[in-house]
Amino acid sequence: MASVTQLQRQFIEYTTSLYNEGYLDDQFTQLQKLQDESNPDFVVEVVSLFFEDSEKLLNNLATALQQKVVDYKQVDSHVHQFKGSSSSIGAQRVTNMCVHFRNFCEEKNLEGCLQCLQQAKHEYILVRNKLEALFRLEQQILQAGGSIPMME
């Protein structure tokens, strides 16, 4: 089993890679700063809500884009909501994809919207998997008796 020090180093390297590869931005750091002893699961809880909302929004978007007559205002509203929730947890690549998606909504470009939906789903799944891995690593550190290193 890995030592606490090894796990903490792994945590720092992994977190740094998430920022360097554009999966997360400073908003995620701000979220982490709100977590303390009185609310040790704050980040996991907020991100879990993001996962739940995202699944619903992606399903709503898929349904809206499959209609015979697409209501682009409704699609744009869903994308706007997805962009806001992604931004609030620091999911930078998902947020950026939503910006492109909204441009296609404005143009009423169905093909562009469908492509963006697939790319947004892809980016969402990537960031979800990466955050779940980060949370598992946090749990390993805590179970080994260590503390979670704070990122600067």
N, C-alpha and C. Protein backbone atom coordinates (compact mmCIF):
# COMPACT_ATOMS: atom_id res chain seq x y z
N MET A 1 0.84 -1.20 0.00
CA MET A 1 0.00 0.00 0.00
C MET A 1 0.88 1.25 0.00
N ALA A 2 0.44 2.27 -0.71
CA ALA A 2 1.21 3.50 -0.82
C ALA A 2 1.21 4.26 0.51
N SER A 3 2.30 4.92 0.77
CA SER A 3 2.39 5.72 1.99
C SER A 3 1.58 7.00 1.83
N VAL A 4 1.28 7.63 2.96
CA VAL A 4 0.53 8.89 2.94
C VAL A 4 1.27 9.93 2.08
N THR A 5 2.57 10.00 2.25
CA THR A 5 3.37 10.96 1.49
C THR A 5 3.27 10.70 -0.01
N GLN A 6 3.33 9.43 -0.40
CA GLN A 6 3.21 9.10 -1.82
C GLN A 6 1.82 9.47 -2.35
N LEU A 7 0.79 9.18 -1.57
CA LEU A 7 -0.58 9.51 -1.97
C LEU A 7 -0.75 11.03 -2.09
N GLN A 8 -0.19 11.77 -1.14
CA GLN A 8 -0.31 13.23 -1.19
C GLN A 8 0.42 13.79 -2.42
N ARG A 9 1.59 13.23 -2.72
CA ARG A 9 2.34 13.68 -3.91
C ARG A 9 1.53 13.37 -5.17
N GLN A 10 0.96 12.18 -5.19
CA GLN A 10 0.12 11.76 -6.32
C GLN A 10 -1.08 12.70 -6.46
N PHE A 11 -1.67 13.08 -5.34
CA PHE A 11 -2.82 13.99 -5.33
C PHE A 11 -2.43 15.34 -5.94
N ILE A 12 -1.29 15.87 -5.50
CA ILE A 12 -0.83 17.18 -6.00
C ILE A 12 -0.53 17.11 -7.50
N GLU A 13 0.15 16.05 -7.92
CA GLU A 13 0.47 15.90 -9.35
C GLU A 13 -0.79 15.75 -10.19
N TYR A 14 -1.73 14.96 -9.70
CA TYR A 14 -2.98 14.73 -10.45
C TYR A 14 -3.79 16.02 -10.53
N THR A 15 -3.91 16.71 -9.40
CA THR A 15 -4.67 17.96 -9.39
C THR A 15 -4.02 18.98 -10.33
N THR A 16 -2.71 19.08 -10.26
CA THR A 16 -1.98 20.01 -11.14
C THR A 16 -2.25 19.69 -12.60
N SER A 17 -2.26 18.40 -12.94
CA SER A 17 -2.52 18.01 -14.33
C SER A 17 -3.94 18.41 -14.76
N LEU A 18 -4.90 18.34 -13.84
CA LEU A 18 -6.28 18.73 -14.18
C LEU A 18 -6.36 20.21 -14.53
N TYR A 19 -5.57 21.02 -13.84
CA TYR A 19 -5.52 22.45 -14.16
C TYR A 19 -4.75 22.68 -15.46
N ASN A 20 -3.60 22.03 -15.58
CA ASN A 20 -2.75 22.23 -16.77
C ASN A 20 -3.43 21.78 -18.05
N GLU A 21 -4.24 20.73 -17.96
CA GLU A 21 -4.93 20.21 -19.15
C GLU A 21 -6.27 20.92 -19.39
N GLY A 22 -6.60 21.91 -18.56
CA GLY A 22 -7.78 22.72 -18.77
C GLY A 22 -9.09 22.10 -18.30
N TYR A 23 -9.02 21.00 -17.56
CA TYR A 23 -10.26 20.40 -17.05
C TYR A 23 -10.86 21.27 -15.95
N LEU A 24 -9.99 21.85 -15.11
CA LEU A 24 -10.44 22.68 -14.00
C LEU A 24 -9.82 24.05 -14.09
N ASP A 25 -10.51 25.04 -13.51
CA ASP A 25 -9.95 26.38 -13.41
C ASP A 25 -10.00 26.84 -11.95
N ASP A 26 -9.67 28.10 -11.73
CA ASP A 26 -9.55 28.63 -10.37
C ASP A 26 -10.84 28.54 -9.56
N GLN A 27 -11.97 28.43 -10.23
CA GLN A 27 -13.23 28.32 -9.50
C GLN A 27 -13.26 27.05 -8.63
N PHE A 28 -12.62 25.98 -9.12
CA PHE A 28 -12.56 24.75 -8.33
C PHE A 28 -11.73 24.99 -7.07
N THR A 29 -10.66 25.75 -7.19
CA THR A 29 -9.82 26.11 -6.03
C THR A 29 -10.65 26.89 -5.02
N GLN A 30 -11.46 27.83 -5.51
CA GLN A 30 -12.32 28.62 -4.63
C GLN A 30 -13.30 27.72 -3.90
N LEU A 31 -13.83 26.74 -4.60
CA LEU A 31 -14.76 25.78 -4.00
C LEU A 31 -14.06 25.01 -2.88
N GLN A 32 -12.83 24.57 -3.13
CA GLN A 32 -12.07 23.83 -2.13
C GLN A 32 -11.81 24.68 -0.88
N LYS A 33 -11.61 25.98 -1.08
CA LYS A 33 -11.34 26.87 0.05
C LYS A 33 -12.55 27.03 0.97
N LEU A 34 -13.74 26.73 0.44
CA LEU A 34 -14.96 26.84 1.25
C LEU A 34 -15.16 25.61 2.14
N GLN A 35 -14.41 24.57 1.87
CA GLN A 35 -14.52 23.34 2.66
C GLN A 35 -13.66 23.46 3.93
N ASP A 36 -14.22 23.03 5.06
CA ASP A 36 -13.45 23.05 6.32
C ASP A 36 -13.93 21.91 7.22
N GLU A 37 -13.44 21.89 8.45
CA GLU A 37 -13.79 20.81 9.37
C GLU A 37 -15.29 20.71 9.61
N SER A 38 -15.98 21.85 9.62
CA SER A 38 -17.42 21.83 9.89
C SER A 38 -18.21 21.27 8.70
N ASN A 39 -17.60 21.28 7.51
CA ASN A 39 -18.27 20.74 6.33
C ASN A 39 -17.23 20.04 5.45
N PRO A 40 -16.72 18.87 5.93
CA PRO A 40 -15.62 18.21 5.23
C PRO A 40 -15.96 17.62 3.86
N ASP A 41 -17.26 17.44 3.58
CA ASP A 41 -17.67 16.86 2.29
C ASP A 41 -18.24 17.90 1.34
N PHE A 42 -17.98 19.17 1.61
CA PHE A 42 -18.58 20.26 0.83
C PHE A 42 -18.33 20.10 -0.67
N VAL A 43 -17.08 19.92 -1.06
CA VAL A 43 -16.75 19.86 -2.49
C VAL A 43 -17.42 18.65 -3.14
N VAL A 44 -17.33 17.50 -2.50
CA VAL A 44 -17.94 16.28 -3.05
C VAL A 44 -19.45 16.47 -3.20
N GLU A 45 -20.09 17.11 -2.22
CA GLU A 45 -21.54 17.33 -2.28
C GLU A 45 -21.91 18.27 -3.43
N VAL A 46 -21.18 19.37 -3.55
CA VAL A 46 -21.46 20.35 -4.62
C VAL A 46 -21.23 19.71 -5.99
N VAL A 47 -20.12 19.00 -6.13
CA VAL A 47 -19.81 18.38 -7.41
C VAL A 47 -20.81 17.26 -7.73
N SER A 48 -21.26 16.53 -6.71
CA SER A 48 -22.28 15.48 -6.93
C SER A 48 -23.58 16.09 -7.45
N LEU A 49 -23.96 17.24 -6.91
CA LEU A 49 -25.15 17.95 -7.42
C LEU A 49 -24.94 18.36 -8.88
N PHE A 50 -23.73 18.82 -9.18
CA PHE A 50 -23.39 19.18 -10.57
C PHE A 50 -23.57 17.95 -11.48
N PHE A 51 -23.10 16.78 -11.03
CA PHE A 51 -23.23 15.56 -11.83
C PHE A 51 -24.70 15.25 -12.09
N GLU A 52 -25.53 15.32 -11.03
CA GLU A 52 -26.96 15.03 -11.18
C GLU A 52 -27.63 16.01 -12.14
N ASP A 53 -27.37 17.31 -11.94
CA ASP A 53 -27.96 18.33 -12.82
C ASP A 53 -27.50 18.16 -14.27
N SER A 54 -26.23 17.85 -14.44
CA SER A 54 -25.67 17.71 -15.78
C SER A 54 -26.32 16.56 -16.54
N GLU A 55 -26.53 15.45 -15.86
CA GLU A 55 -27.19 14.30 -16.50
C GLU A 55 -28.58 14.71 -17.00
N LYS A 56 -29.32 15.41 -16.15
CA LYS A 56 -30.67 15.86 -16.53
C LYS A 56 -30.61 16.83 -17.70
N LEU A 57 -29.68 17.80 -17.61
CA LEU A 57 -29.58 18.80 -18.67
C LEU A 57 -29.17 18.18 -20.00
N LEU A 58 -28.23 17.25 -19.97
CA LEU A 58 -27.81 16.60 -21.21
C LEU A 58 -28.96 15.80 -21.82
N ASN A 59 -29.75 15.13 -20.98
CA ASN A 59 -30.92 14.40 -21.48
C ASN A 59 -31.96 15.36 -22.05
N ASN A 60 -32.19 16.49 -21.35
CA ASN A 60 -33.14 17.50 -21.84
C ASN A 60 -32.68 18.07 -23.18
N LEU A 61 -31.38 18.30 -23.30
CA LEU A 61 -30.84 18.83 -24.56
C LEU A 61 -31.02 17.83 -25.69
N ALA A 62 -30.72 16.57 -25.42
CA ALA A 62 -30.88 15.54 -26.45
C ALA A 62 -32.34 15.47 -26.92
N THR A 63 -33.26 15.50 -25.96
CA THR A 63 -34.69 15.45 -26.29
C THR A 63 -35.10 16.68 -27.10
N ALA A 64 -34.67 17.85 -26.66
CA ALA A 64 -35.03 19.10 -27.34
C ALA A 64 -34.51 19.14 -28.78
N LEU A 65 -33.32 18.59 -28.99
CA LEU A 65 -32.72 18.62 -30.34
C LEU A 65 -33.29 17.53 -31.25
N GLN A 66 -34.08 16.60 -30.70
CA GLN A 66 -34.68 15.54 -31.52
C GLN A 66 -36.09 15.90 -31.99
N GLN A 67 -36.60 17.05 -31.55
CA GLN A 67 -37.95 17.45 -31.94
C GLN A 67 -38.00 17.78 -33.43
N LYS A 68 -39.20 17.59 -34.02
CA LYS A 68 -39.36 17.94 -35.44
C LYS A 68 -39.07 19.42 -35.66
N VAL A 69 -39.60 20.24 -34.76
CA VAL A 69 -39.31 21.68 -34.80
C VAL A 69 -38.54 22.00 -33.52
N VAL A 70 -37.27 22.32 -33.68
CA VAL A 70 -36.41 22.57 -32.53
C VAL A 70 -36.67 23.96 -31.97
N ASP A 71 -36.92 24.02 -30.68
CA ASP A 71 -37.10 25.31 -29.99
C ASP A 71 -35.71 25.74 -29.50
N TYR A 72 -35.06 26.59 -30.31
CA TYR A 72 -33.68 26.97 -30.00
C TYR A 72 -33.57 27.82 -28.74
N LYS A 73 -34.64 28.53 -28.39
CA LYS A 73 -34.62 29.29 -27.13
C LYS A 73 -34.56 28.32 -25.95
N GLN A 74 -35.33 27.25 -26.02
CA GLN A 74 -35.32 26.24 -24.96
C GLN A 74 -33.95 25.55 -24.91
N VAL A 75 -33.40 25.21 -26.06
CA VAL A 75 -32.07 24.58 -26.11
C VAL A 75 -31.04 25.52 -25.50
N ASP A 76 -31.10 26.77 -25.91
CA ASP A 76 -30.16 27.77 -25.39
C ASP A 76 -30.30 27.92 -23.88
N SER A 77 -31.53 27.86 -23.38
CA SER A 77 -31.77 27.97 -21.94
C SER A 77 -31.10 26.81 -21.19
N HIS A 78 -31.23 25.59 -21.73
CA HIS A 78 -30.57 24.43 -21.12
C HIS A 78 -29.05 24.57 -21.17
N VAL A 79 -28.54 25.02 -22.31
CA VAL A 79 -27.08 25.17 -22.47
C VAL A 79 -26.58 26.25 -21.51
N HIS A 80 -27.35 27.33 -21.39
CA HIS A 80 -26.97 28.42 -20.47
C HIS A 80 -26.89 27.89 -19.04
N GLN A 81 -27.85 27.09 -18.65
CA GLN A 81 -27.87 26.49 -17.31
C GLN A 81 -26.67 25.55 -17.12
N PHE A 82 -26.38 24.75 -18.13
CA PHE A 82 -25.25 23.81 -18.08
C PHE A 82 -23.93 24.58 -17.98
N LYS A 83 -23.85 25.66 -18.73
CA LYS A 83 -22.65 26.51 -18.70
C LYS A 83 -22.46 27.11 -17.30
N GLY A 84 -23.54 27.58 -16.70
CA GLY A 84 -23.47 28.19 -15.38
C GLY A 84 -23.05 27.19 -14.31
N SER A 85 -23.63 26.00 -14.33
CA SER A 85 -23.27 25.01 -13.31
C SER A 85 -21.86 24.50 -13.52
N SER A 86 -21.45 24.35 -14.78
CA SER A 86 -20.07 23.92 -15.07
C SER A 86 -19.08 24.96 -14.59
N SER A 87 -19.39 26.19 -14.86
CA SER A 87 -18.52 27.30 -14.45
C SER A 87 -18.43 27.38 -12.93
N SER A 88 -19.54 27.12 -12.24
CA SER A 88 -19.56 27.27 -10.78
C SER A 88 -18.67 26.25 -10.06
N ILE A 89 -18.41 25.10 -10.70
CA ILE A 89 -17.50 24.13 -10.06
C ILE A 89 -16.11 24.18 -10.69
N GLY A 90 -15.93 25.01 -11.72
CA GLY A 90 -14.61 25.14 -12.34
C GLY A 90 -14.34 24.13 -13.44
N ALA A 91 -15.39 23.55 -14.03
CA ALA A 91 -15.22 22.59 -15.13
C ALA A 91 -15.01 23.37 -16.43
N GLN A 92 -13.80 23.82 -16.63
CA GLN A 92 -13.47 24.79 -17.68
C GLN A 92 -13.76 24.29 -19.09
N ARG A 93 -13.40 23.07 -19.41
CA ARG A 93 -13.59 22.59 -20.78
C ARG A 93 -15.07 22.42 -21.10
N VAL A 94 -15.87 22.02 -20.12
CA VAL A 94 -17.32 21.91 -20.33
C VAL A 94 -17.89 23.32 -20.56
N THR A 95 -17.47 24.26 -19.72
CA THR A 95 -17.93 25.64 -19.85
C THR A 95 -17.59 26.19 -21.24
N ASN A 96 -16.36 25.97 -21.69
CA ASN A 96 -15.94 26.46 -23.01
C ASN A 96 -16.77 25.84 -24.13
N MET A 97 -17.09 24.56 -24.01
CA MET A 97 -17.91 23.89 -25.02
C MET A 97 -19.31 24.50 -25.05
N CYS A 98 -19.83 24.87 -23.89
CA CYS A 98 -21.16 25.50 -23.83
C CYS A 98 -21.18 26.84 -24.55
N VAL A 99 -20.08 27.57 -24.52
CA VAL A 99 -20.00 28.86 -25.22
C VAL A 99 -20.19 28.62 -26.72
N HIS A 100 -19.49 27.62 -27.27
CA HIS A 100 -19.64 27.28 -28.70
C HIS A 100 -21.06 26.82 -28.99
N PHE A 101 -21.60 26.01 -28.10
CA PHE A 101 -22.95 25.47 -28.24
C PHE A 101 -23.96 26.62 -28.35
N ARG A 102 -23.81 27.60 -27.48
CA ARG A 102 -24.76 28.73 -27.49
C ARG A 102 -24.68 29.51 -28.80
N ASN A 103 -23.49 29.60 -29.38
CA ASN A 103 -23.35 30.28 -30.67
C ASN A 103 -24.15 29.56 -31.75
N PHE A 104 -24.11 28.23 -31.75
CA PHE A 104 -24.89 27.45 -32.73
C PHE A 104 -26.39 27.59 -32.47
N CYS A 105 -26.79 27.74 -31.20
CA CYS A 105 -28.21 27.97 -30.88
C CYS A 105 -28.66 29.30 -31.47
N GLU A 106 -27.81 30.30 -31.30
CA GLU A 106 -28.12 31.64 -31.82
C GLU A 106 -28.30 31.60 -33.34
N GLU A 107 -27.47 30.80 -33.99
CA GLU A 107 -27.54 30.67 -35.46
C GLU A 107 -28.64 29.71 -35.90
N LYS A 108 -29.28 29.03 -34.92
CA LYS A 108 -30.28 27.99 -35.22
C LYS A 108 -29.69 26.91 -36.14
N ASN A 109 -28.46 26.53 -35.82
CA ASN A 109 -27.71 25.56 -36.61
C ASN A 109 -27.84 24.18 -35.94
N LEU A 110 -28.77 23.36 -36.45
CA LEU A 110 -29.04 22.05 -35.83
C LEU A 110 -27.81 21.15 -35.84
N GLU A 111 -27.13 21.06 -36.99
CA GLU A 111 -25.95 20.21 -37.10
C GLU A 111 -24.88 20.63 -36.09
N GLY A 112 -24.65 21.93 -35.99
CA GLY A 112 -23.67 22.45 -35.03
C GLY A 112 -24.08 22.15 -33.60
N CYS A 113 -25.38 22.29 -33.31
CA CYS A 113 -25.89 21.98 -31.96
C CYS A 113 -25.70 20.51 -31.62
N LEU A 114 -26.00 19.63 -32.58
CA LEU A 114 -25.86 18.20 -32.34
C LEU A 114 -24.40 17.82 -32.10
N GLN A 115 -23.50 18.44 -32.88
CA GLN A 115 -22.07 18.18 -32.67
C GLN A 115 -21.63 18.67 -31.30
N CYS A 116 -22.08 19.86 -30.93
CA CYS A 116 -21.72 20.42 -29.63
C CYS A 116 -22.27 19.58 -28.49
N LEU A 117 -23.48 19.04 -28.67
CA LEU A 117 -24.05 18.18 -27.64
C LEU A 117 -23.15 16.97 -27.41
N GLN A 118 -22.70 16.35 -28.50
CA GLN A 118 -21.81 15.19 -28.36
C GLN A 118 -20.49 15.58 -27.70
N GLN A 119 -19.94 16.72 -28.09
CA GLN A 119 -18.67 17.18 -27.50
C GLN A 119 -18.86 17.57 -26.03
N ALA A 120 -19.99 18.21 -25.72
CA ALA A 120 -20.27 18.60 -24.33
C ALA A 120 -20.42 17.35 -23.47
N LYS A 121 -21.12 16.33 -23.99
CA LYS A 121 -21.26 15.06 -23.25
C LYS A 121 -19.89 14.45 -23.01
N HIS A 122 -19.06 14.46 -24.05
CA HIS A 122 -17.72 13.88 -23.96
C HIS A 122 -16.89 14.61 -22.89
N GLU A 123 -16.89 15.94 -22.93
CA GLU A 123 -16.13 16.72 -21.95
C GLU A 123 -16.68 16.52 -20.54
N TYR A 124 -18.00 16.44 -20.45
CA TYR A 124 -18.62 16.21 -19.14
C TYR A 124 -18.18 14.86 -18.56
N ILE A 125 -18.24 13.82 -19.38
CA ILE A 125 -17.85 12.48 -18.91
C ILE A 125 -16.38 12.47 -18.50
N LEU A 126 -15.53 13.13 -19.27
CA LEU A 126 -14.11 13.21 -18.92
C LEU A 126 -13.91 13.87 -17.56
N VAL A 127 -14.51 15.05 -17.36
CA VAL A 127 -14.31 15.77 -16.10
C VAL A 127 -14.95 15.00 -14.94
N ARG A 128 -16.08 14.36 -15.19
CA ARG A 128 -16.71 13.56 -14.13
C ARG A 128 -15.77 12.43 -13.70
N ASN A 129 -15.23 11.71 -14.67
CA ASN A 129 -14.32 10.60 -14.35
C ASN A 129 -13.07 11.10 -13.62
N LYS A 130 -12.55 12.24 -14.05
CA LYS A 130 -11.34 12.78 -13.43
C LYS A 130 -11.62 13.25 -12.00
N LEU A 131 -12.76 13.89 -11.79
CA LEU A 131 -13.10 14.33 -10.43
C LEU A 131 -13.40 13.14 -9.52
N GLU A 132 -14.06 12.12 -10.06
CA GLU A 132 -14.31 10.92 -9.25
C GLU A 132 -12.98 10.27 -8.83
N ALA A 133 -12.01 10.26 -9.75
CA ALA A 133 -10.68 9.70 -9.43
C ALA A 133 -10.00 10.56 -8.36
N LEU A 134 -10.15 11.87 -8.47
CA LEU A 134 -9.57 12.79 -7.48
C LEU A 134 -10.19 12.53 -6.10
N PHE A 135 -11.50 12.36 -6.05
CA PHE A 135 -12.18 12.11 -4.78
C PHE A 135 -11.78 10.75 -4.19
N ARG A 136 -11.57 9.76 -5.05
CA ARG A 136 -11.10 8.45 -4.55
C ARG A 136 -9.71 8.59 -3.94
N LEU A 137 -8.86 9.37 -4.58
CA LEU A 137 -7.52 9.61 -4.06
C LEU A 137 -7.58 10.33 -2.71
N GLU A 138 -8.48 11.31 -2.60
CA GLU A 138 -8.68 12.00 -1.32
C GLU A 138 -9.06 10.99 -0.24
N GLN A 139 -9.98 10.09 -0.56
CA GLN A 139 -10.43 9.09 0.42
C GLN A 139 -9.28 8.18 0.84
N GLN A 140 -8.42 7.80 -0.10
CA GLN A 140 -7.27 6.95 0.22
C GLN A 140 -6.34 7.67 1.19
N ILE A 141 -6.12 8.97 0.95
CA ILE A 141 -5.25 9.76 1.83
C ILE A 141 -5.84 9.81 3.23
N LEU A 142 -7.14 10.10 3.33
CA LEU A 142 -7.81 10.19 4.64
C LEU A 142 -7.81 8.84 5.35
N GLN A 143 -8.07 7.77 4.61
CA GLN A 143 -8.10 6.43 5.21
C GLN A 143 -6.72 6.00 5.71
N ALA A 144 -5.67 6.55 5.06
CA ALA A 144 -4.31 6.24 5.48
C ALA A 144 -3.85 7.14 6.64
N GLY A 145 -4.76 8.01 7.10
CA GLY A 145 -4.45 8.88 8.23
C GLY A 145 -3.83 10.19 7.87
N GLY A 146 -3.80 10.52 6.60
CA GLY A 146 -3.20 11.78 6.15
C GLY A 146 -4.22 12.89 6.00
N SER A 147 -3.73 14.08 5.62
CA SER A 147 -4.62 15.20 5.33
C SER A 147 -4.46 15.57 3.87
N ILE A 148 -5.51 16.18 3.34
CA ILE A 148 -5.52 16.56 1.93
C ILE A 148 -4.65 17.81 1.75
N PRO A 149 -3.64 17.73 0.86
CA PRO A 149 -2.79 18.92 0.64
C PRO A 149 -3.61 20.02 -0.04
N MET A 150 -3.40 21.25 0.38
CA MET A 150 -4.08 22.38 -0.26
C MET A 150 -3.25 22.86 -1.45
N MET A 151 -3.93 23.12 -2.54
CA MET A 151 -3.27 23.62 -3.74
C MET A 151 -3.21 25.14 -3.67
N GLU A 152 -2.12 25.69 -4.14
CA GLU A 152 -1.99 27.16 -4.15
C GLU A 152 -2.41 27.71 -5.48
